[in-house]
Amino acid sequence: MVIIVGLLLISTFLIAFHLAKMSDPYIKEVLSRQGNVSRGYEIFQINCAACHGQFADGIVGPSLEEVSHRKSRISLIEQVISGKTPPMPKFQPDPQAMADLLVYLEKLSKN
């Protein structure tokens, strides 16, 4: 019984945490837009390839192949805009550019 109550509390917390992130205006705006893979590739080459590699296979930064299998769309957006893991810099593109980058990163998991 204690385990079930504990699991329910944890689940409730995780759902509330996810919903709070969904209320972020920037994230909502990004997720509401249709991304363009070609533009996302261009943004990646300009801003990300120096560390993550021309083909996103990792250099200084980790490989981003299959990244959308490891991180949610919200987590990917947060990682890009916060630079959570040094030495990754903060980078907050406009919502359309972020939507473009997001679909490019998701495409890396489909090849």
PDB file of N, CA and C in Angstrom:
ATOM      1  N   MET A   1       0.821  -1.189   0.000  1.00  0.00           N
ATOM      2  CA  MET A   1       0.000   0.000   0.000  1.00  0.00           C
ATOM      3  C   MET A   1       0.868   1.258   0.000  1.00  0.00           C
ATOM      4  N   VAL A   2       1.908   1.268   0.823  1.00  0.00           N
ATOM      5  CA  VAL A   2       2.804   2.420   0.906  1.00  0.00           C
ATOM      6  C   VAL A   2       3.502   2.637  -0.439  1.00  0.00           C
ATOM      7  N   ILE A   3       3.882   1.540  -1.077  1.00  0.00           N
ATOM      8  CA  ILE A   3       4.546   1.637  -2.378  1.00  0.00           C
ATOM      9  C   ILE A   3       3.603   2.245  -3.415  1.00  0.00           C
ATOM     10  N   ILE A   4       2.360   1.824  -3.418  1.00  0.00           N
ATOM     11  CA  ILE A   4       1.379   2.346  -4.377  1.00  0.00           C
ATOM     12  C   ILE A   4       1.167   3.841  -4.161  1.00  0.00           C
ATOM     13  N   VAL A   5       1.021   4.251  -2.916  1.00  0.00           N
ATOM     14  CA  VAL A   5       0.840   5.674  -2.611  1.00  0.00           C
ATOM     15  C   VAL A   5       2.077   6.461  -3.056  1.00  0.00           C
ATOM     16  N   GLY A   6       3.249   5.915  -2.785  1.00  0.00           N
ATOM     17  CA  GLY A   6       4.492   6.572  -3.200  1.00  0.00           C
ATOM     18  C   GLY A   6       4.571   6.730  -4.709  1.00  0.00           C
ATOM     19  N   LEU A   7       4.216   5.671  -5.429  1.00  0.00           N
ATOM     20  CA  LEU A   7       4.229   5.736  -6.890  1.00  0.00           C
ATOM     21  C   LEU A   7       3.218   6.750  -7.417  1.00  0.00           C
ATOM     22  N   LEU A   8       2.052   6.818  -6.787  1.00  0.00           N
ATOM     23  CA  LEU A   8       1.048   7.804  -7.195  1.00  0.00           C
ATOM     24  C   LEU A   8       1.543   9.230  -6.964  1.00  0.00           C
ATOM     25  N   LEU A   9       2.199   9.455  -5.840  1.00  0.00           N
ATOM     26  CA  LEU A   9       2.734  10.787  -5.553  1.00  0.00           C
ATOM     27  C   LEU A   9       3.821  11.175  -6.554  1.00  0.00           C
ATOM     28  N   ILE A  10       4.700  10.251  -6.845  1.00  0.00           N
ATOM     29  CA  ILE A  10       5.760  10.514  -7.820  1.00  0.00           C
ATOM     30  C   ILE A  10       5.162  10.793  -9.194  1.00  0.00           C
ATOM     31  N   SER A  11       4.192   9.986  -9.598  1.00  0.00           N
ATOM     32  CA  SER A  11       3.533  10.184 -10.893  1.00  0.00           C
ATOM     33  C   SER A  11       2.854  11.543 -10.964  1.00  0.00           C
ATOM     34  N   THR A  12       2.166  11.913  -9.903  1.00  0.00           N
ATOM     35  CA  THR A  12       1.491  13.211  -9.859  1.00  0.00           C
ATOM     36  C   THR A  12       2.499  14.346  -9.978  1.00  0.00           C
ATOM     37  N   PHE A  13       3.612  14.235  -9.269  1.00  0.00           N
ATOM     38  CA  PHE A  13       4.655  15.253  -9.336  1.00  0.00           C
ATOM     39  C   PHE A  13       5.210  15.364 -10.750  1.00  0.00           C
ATOM     40  N   LEU A  14       5.503  14.235 -11.381  1.00  0.00           N
ATOM     41  CA  LEU A  14       6.067  14.256 -12.733  1.00  0.00           C
ATOM     42  C   LEU A  14       5.099  14.861 -13.741  1.00  0.00           C
ATOM     43  N   ILE A  15       3.836  14.538 -13.612  1.00  0.00           N
ATOM     44  CA  ILE A  15       2.825  15.109 -14.514  1.00  0.00           C
ATOM     45  C   ILE A  15       2.735  16.621 -14.306  1.00  0.00           C
ATOM     46  N   ALA A  16       2.703  17.055 -13.059  1.00  0.00           N
ATOM     47  CA  ALA A  16       2.632  18.493 -12.764  1.00  0.00           C
ATOM     48  C   ALA A  16       3.873  19.216 -13.283  1.00  0.00           C
ATOM     49  N   PHE A  17       5.027  18.598 -13.135  1.00  0.00           N
ATOM     50  CA  PHE A  17       6.285  19.180 -13.611  1.00  0.00           C
ATOM     51  C   PHE A  17       6.255  19.335 -15.128  1.00  0.00           C
ATOM     52  N   HIS A  18       5.793  18.300 -15.826  1.00  0.00           N
ATOM     53  CA  HIS A  18       5.695  18.336 -17.287  1.00  0.00           C
ATOM     54  C   HIS A  18       4.700  19.407 -17.733  1.00  0.00           C
ATOM     55  N   LEU A  19       3.561  19.496 -17.076  1.00  0.00           N
ATOM     56  CA  LEU A  19       2.555  20.502 -17.430  1.00  0.00           C
ATOM     57  C   LEU A  19       3.079  21.917 -17.194  1.00  0.00           C
ATOM     58  N   ALA A  20       3.878  22.093 -16.146  1.00  0.00           N
ATOM     59  CA  ALA A  20       4.454  23.413 -15.881  1.00  0.00           C
ATOM     60  C   ALA A  20       5.387  23.822 -17.012  1.00  0.00           C
ATOM     61  N   LYS A  21       6.162  22.887 -17.512  1.00  0.00           N
ATOM     62  CA  LYS A  21       7.054  23.183 -18.631  1.00  0.00           C
ATOM     63  C   LYS A  21       6.255  23.509 -19.881  1.00  0.00           C
ATOM     64  N   MET A  22       5.138  22.813 -20.077  1.00  0.00           N
ATOM     65  CA  MET A  22       4.293  23.050 -21.247  1.00  0.00           C
ATOM     66  C   MET A  22       3.682  24.447 -21.211  1.00  0.00           C
ATOM     67  N   SER A  23       3.618  25.066 -20.039  1.00  0.00           N
ATOM     68  CA  SER A  23       3.024  26.396 -19.943  1.00  0.00           C
ATOM     69  C   SER A  23       4.037  27.497 -20.254  1.00  0.00           C
ATOM     70  N   ASP A  24       5.304  27.153 -20.412  1.00  0.00           N
ATOM     71  CA  ASP A  24       6.323  28.134 -20.773  1.00  0.00           C
ATOM     72  C   ASP A  24       5.984  28.707 -22.149  1.00  0.00           C
ATOM     73  N   PRO A  25       5.829  30.030 -22.266  1.00  0.00           N
ATOM     74  CA  PRO A  25       5.393  30.627 -23.536  1.00  0.00           C
ATOM     75  C   PRO A  25       6.321  30.316 -24.710  1.00  0.00           C
ATOM     76  N   TYR A  26       7.633  30.329 -24.472  1.00  0.00           N
ATOM     77  CA  TYR A  26       8.577  30.033 -25.552  1.00  0.00           C
ATOM     78  C   TYR A  26       8.405  28.596 -26.032  1.00  0.00           C
ATOM     79  N   ILE A  27       8.347  27.649 -25.104  1.00  0.00           N
ATOM     80  CA  ILE A  27       8.194  26.239 -25.470  1.00  0.00           C
ATOM     81  C   ILE A  27       6.869  26.022 -26.191  1.00  0.00           C
ATOM     82  N   LYS A  28       5.804  26.627 -25.691  1.00  0.00           N
ATOM     83  CA  LYS A  28       4.497  26.502 -26.357  1.00  0.00           C
ATOM     84  C   LYS A  28       4.565  27.021 -27.789  1.00  0.00           C
ATOM     85  N   GLU A  29       5.224  28.147 -27.964  1.00  0.00           N
ATOM     86  CA  GLU A  29       5.341  28.741 -29.299  1.00  0.00           C
ATOM     87  C   GLU A  29       6.136  27.823 -30.234  1.00  0.00           C
ATOM     88  N   VAL A  30       7.249  27.295 -29.754  1.00  0.00           N
ATOM     89  CA  VAL A  30       8.066  26.391 -30.575  1.00  0.00           C
ATOM     90  C   VAL A  30       7.256  25.163 -30.977  1.00  0.00           C
ATOM     91  N   LEU A  31       6.582  24.549 -30.006  1.00  0.00           N
ATOM     92  CA  LEU A  31       5.838  23.320 -30.281  1.00  0.00           C
ATOM     93  C   LEU A  31       4.625  23.554 -31.173  1.00  0.00           C
ATOM     94  N   SER A  32       4.158  24.792 -31.264  1.00  0.00           N
ATOM     95  CA  SER A  32       2.995  25.083 -32.110  1.00  0.00           C
ATOM     96  C   SER A  32       3.383  25.290 -33.573  1.00  0.00           C
ATOM     97  N   ARG A  33       4.670  25.403 -33.842  1.00  0.00           N
ATOM     98  CA  ARG A  33       5.127  25.701 -35.202  1.00  0.00           C
ATOM     99  C   ARG A  33       5.554  24.450 -35.956  1.00  0.00           C
ATOM    100  N   GLN A  34       5.391  24.508 -37.257  1.00  0.00           N
ATOM    101  CA  GLN A  34       5.844  23.441 -38.152  1.00  0.00           C
ATOM    102  C   GLN A  34       7.309  23.719 -38.469  1.00  0.00           C
ATOM    103  N   GLY A  35       8.180  22.798 -38.146  1.00  0.00           N
ATOM    104  CA  GLY A  35       9.595  22.990 -38.434  1.00  0.00           C
ATOM    105  C   GLY A  35       9.951  22.571 -39.846  1.00  0.00           C
ATOM    106  N   ASN A  36      11.055  23.109 -40.340  1.00  0.00           N
ATOM    107  CA  ASN A  36      11.571  22.790 -41.665  1.00  0.00           C
ATOM    108  C   ASN A  36      12.935  22.132 -41.493  1.00  0.00           C
ATOM    109  N   VAL A  37      13.068  20.892 -41.944  1.00  0.00           N
ATOM    110  CA  VAL A  37      14.296  20.121 -41.741  1.00  0.00           C
ATOM    111  C   VAL A  37      15.494  20.792 -42.408  1.00  0.00           C
ATOM    112  N   SER A  38      15.325  21.311 -43.619  1.00  0.00           N
ATOM    113  CA  SER A  38      16.447  21.949 -44.329  1.00  0.00           C
ATOM    114  C   SER A  38      16.959  23.171 -43.573  1.00  0.00           C
ATOM    115  N   ARG A  39      16.043  23.984 -43.096  1.00  0.00           N
ATOM    116  CA  ARG A  39      16.466  25.153 -42.309  1.00  0.00           C
ATOM    117  C   ARG A  39      17.084  24.708 -40.983  1.00  0.00           C
ATOM    118  N   GLY A  40      16.536  23.641 -40.392  1.00  0.00           N
ATOM    119  CA  GLY A  40      17.110  23.110 -39.162  1.00  0.00           C
ATOM    120  C   GLY A  40      18.537  22.634 -39.357  1.00  0.00           C
ATOM    121  N   TYR A  41      18.796  22.002 -40.503  1.00  0.00           N
ATOM    122  CA  TYR A  41      20.153  21.555 -40.840  1.00  0.00           C
ATOM    123  C   TYR A  41      21.089  22.759 -40.930  1.00  0.00           C
ATOM    124  N   GLU A  42      20.637  23.825 -41.593  1.00  0.00           N
ATOM    125  CA  GLU A  42      21.457  25.033 -41.727  1.00  0.00           C
ATOM    126  C   GLU A  42      21.761  25.638 -40.356  1.00  0.00           C
ATOM    127  N   ILE A  43      20.760  25.709 -39.503  1.00  0.00           N
ATOM    128  CA  ILE A  43      20.953  26.246 -38.148  1.00  0.00           C
ATOM    129  C   ILE A  43      21.943  25.376 -37.386  1.00  0.00           C
ATOM    130  N   PHE A  44      21.805  24.063 -37.530  1.00  0.00           N
ATOM    131  CA  PHE A  44      22.720  23.131 -36.867  1.00  0.00           C
ATOM    132  C   PHE A  44      24.156  23.359 -37.339  1.00  0.00           C
ATOM    133  N   GLN A  45      24.348  23.473 -38.652  1.00  0.00           N
ATOM    134  CA  GLN A  45      25.697  23.655 -39.189  1.00  0.00           C
ATOM    135  C   GLN A  45      26.335  24.945 -38.682  1.00  0.00           C
ATOM    136  N   ILE A  46      25.560  26.001 -38.571  1.00  0.00           N
ATOM    137  CA  ILE A  46      26.085  27.296 -38.127  1.00  0.00           C
ATOM    138  C   ILE A  46      26.361  27.315 -36.622  1.00  0.00           C
ATOM    139  N   ASN A  47      25.472  26.738 -35.829  1.00  0.00           N
ATOM    140  CA  ASN A  47      25.538  26.900 -34.372  1.00  0.00           C
ATOM    141  C   ASN A  47      25.998  25.681 -33.584  1.00  0.00           C
ATOM    142  N   CYS A  48      25.916  24.497 -34.161  1.00  0.00           N
ATOM    143  CA  CYS A  48      26.117  23.282 -33.366  1.00  0.00           C
ATOM    144  C   CYS A  48      27.227  22.363 -33.881  1.00  0.00           C
ATOM    145  N   ALA A  49      27.478  22.387 -35.193  1.00  0.00           N
ATOM    146  CA  ALA A  49      28.374  21.405 -35.808  1.00  0.00           C
ATOM    147  C   ALA A  49      29.807  21.481 -35.294  1.00  0.00           C
ATOM    148  N   ALA A  50      30.268  22.652 -34.897  1.00  0.00           N
ATOM    149  CA  ALA A  50      31.647  22.768 -34.420  1.00  0.00           C
ATOM    150  C   ALA A  50      31.915  21.842 -33.235  1.00  0.00           C
ATOM    151  N   CYS A  51      30.925  21.652 -32.386  1.00  0.00           N
ATOM    152  CA  CYS A  51      31.097  20.773 -31.218  1.00  0.00           C
ATOM    153  C   CYS A  51      30.474  19.391 -31.408  1.00  0.00           C
ATOM    154  N   HIS A  52      29.347  19.334 -32.098  1.00  0.00           N
ATOM    155  CA  HIS A  52      28.631  18.061 -32.241  1.00  0.00           C
ATOM    156  C   HIS A  52      28.960  17.334 -33.537  1.00  0.00           C
ATOM    157  N   GLY A  53      29.781  17.938 -34.398  1.00  0.00           N
ATOM    158  CA  GLY A  53      30.196  17.310 -35.643  1.00  0.00           C
ATOM    159  C   GLY A  53      29.279  17.658 -36.800  1.00  0.00           C
ATOM    160  N   GLN A  54      29.862  17.710 -37.981  1.00  0.00           N
ATOM    161  CA  GLN A  54      29.103  18.056 -39.182  1.00  0.00           C
ATOM    162  C   GLN A  54      27.912  17.131 -39.383  1.00  0.00           C
ATOM    163  N   PHE A  55      28.077  15.873 -38.989  1.00  0.00           N
ATOM    164  CA  PHE A  55      27.005  14.889 -39.150  1.00  0.00           C
ATOM    165  C   PHE A  55      26.372  14.514 -37.812  1.00  0.00           C
ATOM    166  N   ALA A  56      26.567  15.366 -36.810  1.00  0.00           N
ATOM    167  CA  ALA A  56      25.999  15.197 -35.466  1.00  0.00           C
ATOM    168  C   ALA A  56      26.502  13.940 -34.770  1.00  0.00           C
ATOM    169  N   ASP A  57      27.696  13.490 -35.167  1.00  0.00           N
ATOM    170  CA  ASP A  57      28.243  12.265 -34.589  1.00  0.00           C
ATOM    171  C   ASP A  57      29.184  12.519 -33.416  1.00  0.00           C
ATOM    172  N   GLY A  58      29.283  13.763 -32.997  1.00  0.00           N
ATOM    173  CA  GLY A  58      30.037  14.096 -31.793  1.00  0.00           C
ATOM    174  C   GLY A  58      31.492  14.444 -32.056  1.00  0.00           C
ATOM    175  N   ILE A  59      31.957  15.484 -31.403  1.00  0.00           N
ATOM    176  CA  ILE A  59      33.370  15.874 -31.392  1.00  0.00           C
ATOM    177  C   ILE A  59      33.661  16.220 -29.937  1.00  0.00           C
ATOM    178  N   VAL A  60      33.530  17.495 -29.591  1.00  0.00           N
ATOM    179  CA  VAL A  60      33.633  17.927 -28.193  1.00  0.00           C
ATOM    180  C   VAL A  60      32.317  17.611 -27.493  1.00  0.00           C
ATOM    181  N   GLY A  61      31.222  17.965 -28.148  1.00  0.00           N
ATOM    182  CA  GLY A  61      29.888  17.648 -27.636  1.00  0.00           C
ATOM    183  C   GLY A  61      29.529  16.219 -28.011  1.00  0.00           C
ATOM    184  N   PRO A  62      28.537  15.660 -27.359  1.00  0.00           N
ATOM    185  CA  PRO A  62      28.156  14.267 -27.628  1.00  0.00           C
ATOM    186  C   PRO A  62      27.493  14.093 -28.994  1.00  0.00           C
ATOM    187  N   SER A  63      27.473  12.864 -29.446  1.00  0.00           N
ATOM    188  CA  SER A  63      26.742  12.514 -30.659  1.00  0.00           C
ATOM    189  C   SER A  63      25.263  12.806 -30.436  1.00  0.00           C
ATOM    190  N   LEU A  64      24.625  13.324 -31.457  1.00  0.00           N
ATOM    191  CA  LEU A  64      23.192  13.601 -31.368  1.00  0.00           C
ATOM    192  C   LEU A  64      22.381  12.616 -32.193  1.00  0.00           C
ATOM    193  N   GLU A  65      23.042  11.584 -32.693  1.00  0.00           N
ATOM    194  CA  GLU A  65      22.319  10.532 -33.392  1.00  0.00           C
ATOM    195  C   GLU A  65      21.375   9.877 -32.390  1.00  0.00           C
ATOM    196  N   GLU A  66      20.147   9.673 -32.791  1.00  0.00           N
ATOM    197  CA  GLU A  66      19.128   9.048 -31.933  1.00  0.00           C
ATOM    198  C   GLU A  66      18.768   9.900 -30.711  1.00  0.00           C
ATOM    199  N   VAL A  67      19.114  11.185 -30.712  1.00  0.00           N
ATOM    200  CA  VAL A  67      18.876  12.018 -29.528  1.00  0.00           C
ATOM    201  C   VAL A  67      17.395  12.114 -29.170  1.00  0.00           C
ATOM    202  N   SER A  68      16.515  12.091 -30.167  1.00  0.00           N
ATOM    203  CA  SER A  68      15.090  12.215 -29.834  1.00  0.00           C
ATOM    204  C   SER A  68      14.529  10.935 -29.230  1.00  0.00           C
ATOM    205  N   HIS A  69      15.321   9.857 -29.256  1.00  0.00           N
ATOM    206  CA  HIS A  69      14.914   8.642 -28.542  1.00  0.00           C
ATOM    207  C   HIS A  69      15.317   8.732 -27.068  1.00  0.00           C
ATOM    208  N   ARG A  70      16.282   9.612 -26.779  1.00  0.00           N
ATOM    209  CA  ARG A  70      16.777   9.757 -25.409  1.00  0.00           C
ATOM    210  C   ARG A  70      16.148  10.932 -24.673  1.00  0.00           C
ATOM    211  N   LYS A  71      15.696  11.945 -25.424  1.00  0.00           N
ATOM    212  CA  LYS A  71      15.154  13.156 -24.802  1.00  0.00           C
ATOM    213  C   LYS A  71      13.818  13.507 -25.434  1.00  0.00           C
ATOM    214  N   SER A  72      12.931  14.055 -24.631  1.00  0.00           N
ATOM    215  CA  SER A  72      11.637  14.520 -25.143  1.00  0.00           C
ATOM    216  C   SER A  72      11.842  15.813 -25.928  1.00  0.00           C
ATOM    217  N   ARG A  73      10.818  16.226 -26.653  1.00  0.00           N
ATOM    218  CA  ARG A  73      10.889  17.482 -27.405  1.00  0.00           C
ATOM    219  C   ARG A  73      11.154  18.649 -26.450  1.00  0.00           C
ATOM    220  N   ILE A  74      10.477  18.639 -25.315  1.00  0.00           N
ATOM    221  CA  ILE A  74      10.674  19.718 -24.339  1.00  0.00           C
ATOM    222  C   ILE A  74      12.100  19.695 -23.798  1.00  0.00           C
ATOM    223  N   SER A  75      12.618  18.523 -23.495  1.00  0.00           N
ATOM    224  CA  SER A  75      13.989  18.418 -22.985  1.00  0.00           C
ATOM    225  C   SER A  75      15.007  18.895 -24.012  1.00  0.00           C
ATOM    226  N   LEU A  76      14.767  18.586 -25.282  1.00  0.00           N
ATOM    227  CA  LEU A  76      15.675  19.061 -26.330  1.00  0.00           C
ATOM    228  C   LEU A  76      15.672  20.586 -26.405  1.00  0.00           C
ATOM    229  N   ILE A  77      14.484  21.170 -26.362  1.00  0.00           N
ATOM    230  CA  ILE A  77      14.385  22.634 -26.396  1.00  0.00           C
ATOM    231  C   ILE A  77      15.114  23.229 -25.193  1.00  0.00           C
ATOM    232  N   GLU A  78      14.851  22.687 -24.011  1.00  0.00           N
ATOM    233  CA  GLU A  78      15.490  23.203 -22.794  1.00  0.00           C
ATOM    234  C   GLU A  78      17.005  23.076 -22.856  1.00  0.00           C
ATOM    235  N   GLN A  79      17.501  21.969 -23.389  1.00  0.00           N
ATOM    236  CA  GLN A  79      18.944  21.771 -23.500  1.00  0.00           C
ATOM    237  C   GLN A  79      19.563  22.840 -24.389  1.00  0.00           C
ATOM    238  N   VAL A  80      18.935  23.118 -25.512  1.00  0.00           N
ATOM    239  CA  VAL A  80      19.467  24.116 -26.442  1.00  0.00           C
ATOM    240  C   VAL A  80      19.452  25.507 -25.814  1.00  0.00           C
ATOM    241  N   ILE A  81      18.342  25.897 -25.225  1.00  0.00           N
ATOM    242  CA  ILE A  81      18.234  27.283 -24.747  1.00  0.00           C
ATOM    243  C   ILE A  81      18.940  27.532 -23.420  1.00  0.00           C
ATOM    244  N   SER A  82      19.197  26.483 -22.659  1.00  0.00           N
ATOM    245  CA  SER A  82      19.813  26.693 -21.345  1.00  0.00           C
ATOM    246  C   SER A  82      21.302  26.403 -21.327  1.00  0.00           C
ATOM    247  N   GLY A  83      21.767  25.582 -22.261  1.00  0.00           N
ATOM    248  CA  GLY A  83      23.157  25.168 -22.204  1.00  0.00           C
ATOM    249  C   GLY A  83      23.460  24.447 -20.903  1.00  0.00           C
ATOM    250  N   LYS A  84      22.518  23.601 -20.460  1.00  0.00           N
ATOM    251  CA  LYS A  84      22.588  22.946 -19.144  1.00  0.00           C
ATOM    252  C   LYS A  84      23.912  22.242 -18.871  1.00  0.00           C
ATOM    253  N   THR A  85      24.513  21.703 -19.898  1.00  0.00           N
ATOM    254  CA  THR A  85      25.726  20.921 -19.676  1.00  0.00           C
ATOM    255  C   THR A  85      26.924  21.636 -20.288  1.00  0.00           C
ATOM    256  N   PRO A  86      27.716  22.305 -19.443  1.00  0.00           N
ATOM    257  CA  PRO A  86      28.901  22.994 -19.951  1.00  0.00           C
ATOM    258  C   PRO A  86      29.805  22.001 -20.671  1.00  0.00           C
ATOM    259  N   PRO A  87      30.460  22.406 -21.691  1.00  0.00           N
ATOM    260  CA  PRO A  87      30.694  23.777 -22.146  1.00  0.00           C
ATOM    261  C   PRO A  87      29.659  24.291 -23.154  1.00  0.00           C
ATOM    262  N   MET A  88      28.513  23.646 -23.247  1.00  0.00           N
ATOM    263  CA  MET A  88      27.508  24.088 -24.213  1.00  0.00           C
ATOM    264  C   MET A  88      26.997  25.479 -23.838  1.00  0.00           C
ATOM    265  N   PRO A  89      27.073  26.411 -24.800  1.00  0.00           N
ATOM    266  CA  PRO A  89      26.588  27.764 -24.508  1.00  0.00           C
ATOM    267  C   PRO A  89      25.070  27.845 -24.573  1.00  0.00           C
ATOM    268  N   LYS A  90      24.528  28.855 -23.930  1.00  0.00           N
ATOM    269  CA  LYS A  90      23.095  29.140 -24.070  1.00  0.00           C
ATOM    270  C   LYS A  90      22.866  29.649 -25.483  1.00  0.00           C
ATOM    271  N   PHE A  91      21.756  29.254 -26.052  1.00  0.00           N
ATOM    272  CA  PHE A  91      21.439  29.660 -27.421  1.00  0.00           C
ATOM    273  C   PHE A  91      19.931  29.662 -27.529  1.00  0.00           C
ATOM    274  N   GLN A  92      19.328  30.825 -27.685  1.00  0.00           N
ATOM    275  CA  GLN A  92      17.868  30.869 -27.794  1.00  0.00           C
ATOM    276  C   GLN A  92      17.468  31.465 -29.134  1.00  0.00           C
ATOM    277  N   PRO A  93      17.331  30.591 -30.133  1.00  0.00           N
ATOM    278  CA  PRO A  93      16.874  31.082 -31.432  1.00  0.00           C
ATOM    279  C   PRO A  93      15.412  31.504 -31.346  1.00  0.00           C
ATOM    280  N   ASP A  94      14.967  32.245 -32.352  1.00  0.00           N
ATOM    281  CA  ASP A  94      13.552  32.597 -32.363  1.00  0.00           C
ATOM    282  C   ASP A  94      12.739  31.302 -32.457  1.00  0.00           C
ATOM    283  N   PRO A  95      11.468  31.320 -32.071  1.00  0.00           N
ATOM    284  CA  PRO A  95      10.674  30.088 -32.026  1.00  0.00           C
ATOM    285  C   PRO A  95      10.650  29.294 -33.338  1.00  0.00           C
ATOM    286  N   GLN A  96      10.603  29.976 -34.479  1.00  0.00           N
ATOM    287  CA  GLN A  96      10.587  29.245 -35.747  1.00  0.00           C
ATOM    288  C   GLN A  96      11.911  28.529 -35.987  1.00  0.00           C
ATOM    289  N   ALA A  97      13.014  29.206 -35.714  1.00  0.00           N
ATOM    290  CA  ALA A  97      14.324  28.580 -35.881  1.00  0.00           C
ATOM    291  C   ALA A  97      14.479  27.386 -34.939  1.00  0.00           C
ATOM    292  N   MET A  98      13.974  27.513 -33.707  1.00  0.00           N
ATOM    293  CA  MET A  98      14.042  26.385 -32.768  1.00  0.00           C
ATOM    294  C   MET A  98      13.189  25.230 -33.264  1.00  0.00           C
ATOM    295  N   ALA A  99      12.012  25.514 -33.822  1.00  0.00           N
ATOM    296  CA  ALA A  99      11.159  24.455 -34.382  1.00  0.00           C
ATOM    297  C   ALA A  99      11.873  23.767 -35.540  1.00  0.00           C
ATOM    298  N   ASP A 100      12.585  24.539 -36.360  1.00  0.00           N
ATOM    299  CA  ASP A 100      13.342  23.968 -37.474  1.00  0.00           C
ATOM    300  C   ASP A 100      14.459  23.067 -36.953  1.00  0.00           C
ATOM    301  N   LEU A 101      15.204  23.548 -35.965  1.00  0.00           N
ATOM    302  CA  LEU A 101      16.285  22.750 -35.382  1.00  0.00           C
ATOM    303  C   LEU A 101      15.735  21.484 -34.739  1.00  0.00           C
ATOM    304  N   LEU A 102      14.610  21.597 -34.074  1.00  0.00           N
ATOM    305  CA  LEU A 102      13.996  20.453 -33.403  1.00  0.00           C
ATOM    306  C   LEU A 102      13.641  19.348 -34.399  1.00  0.00           C
ATOM    307  N   VAL A 103      13.034  19.700 -35.528  1.00  0.00           N
ATOM    308  CA  VAL A 103      12.676  18.654 -36.499  1.00  0.00           C
ATOM    309  C   VAL A 103      13.919  18.061 -37.145  1.00  0.00           C
ATOM    310  N   TYR A 104      14.979  18.859 -37.288  1.00  0.00           N
ATOM    311  CA  TYR A 104      16.235  18.303 -37.799  1.00  0.00           C
ATOM    312  C   TYR A 104      16.796  17.281 -36.809  1.00  0.00           C
ATOM    313  N   LEU A 105      16.815  17.627 -35.527  1.00  0.00           N
ATOM    314  CA  LEU A 105      17.321  16.695 -34.515  1.00  0.00           C
ATOM    315  C   LEU A 105      16.478  15.424 -34.465  1.00  0.00           C
ATOM    316  N   GLU A 106      15.175  15.566 -34.627  1.00  0.00           N
ATOM    317  CA  GLU A 106      14.301  14.384 -34.646  1.00  0.00           C
ATOM    318  C   GLU A 106      14.573  13.530 -35.880  1.00  0.00           C
ATOM    319  N   LYS A 107      14.910  14.152 -36.982  1.00  0.00           N
ATOM    320  CA  LYS A 107      15.210  13.412 -38.210  1.00  0.00           C
ATOM    321  C   LYS A 107      16.465  12.553 -38.031  1.00  0.00           C
ATOM    322  N   LEU A 108      17.393  13.010 -37.209  1.00  0.00           N
ATOM    323  CA  LEU A 108      18.612  12.238 -36.964  1.00  0.00           C
ATOM    324  C   LEU A 108      18.292  10.866 -36.381  1.00  0.00           C
ATOM    325  N   SER A 109      17.163  10.749 -35.728  1.00  0.00           N
ATOM    326  CA  SER A 109      16.762   9.479 -35.126  1.00  0.00           C
ATOM    327  C   SER A 109      16.010   8.588 -36.100  1.00  0.00           C
ATOM    328  N   LYS A 110      15.693   9.101 -37.282  1.00  0.00           N
ATOM    329  CA  LYS A 110      14.924   8.318 -38.250  1.00  0.00           C
ATOM    330  C   LYS A 110      15.783   7.777 -39.377  1.00  0.00           C
ATOM    331  N   ASN A 111      17.047   8.199 -39.450  1.00  0.00           N
ATOM    332  CA  ASN A 111      17.929   7.727 -40.529  1.00  0.00           C
ATOM    333  C   ASN A 111      18.523   6.386 -40.192  1.00  0.00           C
TER     334      ASN A 111
END
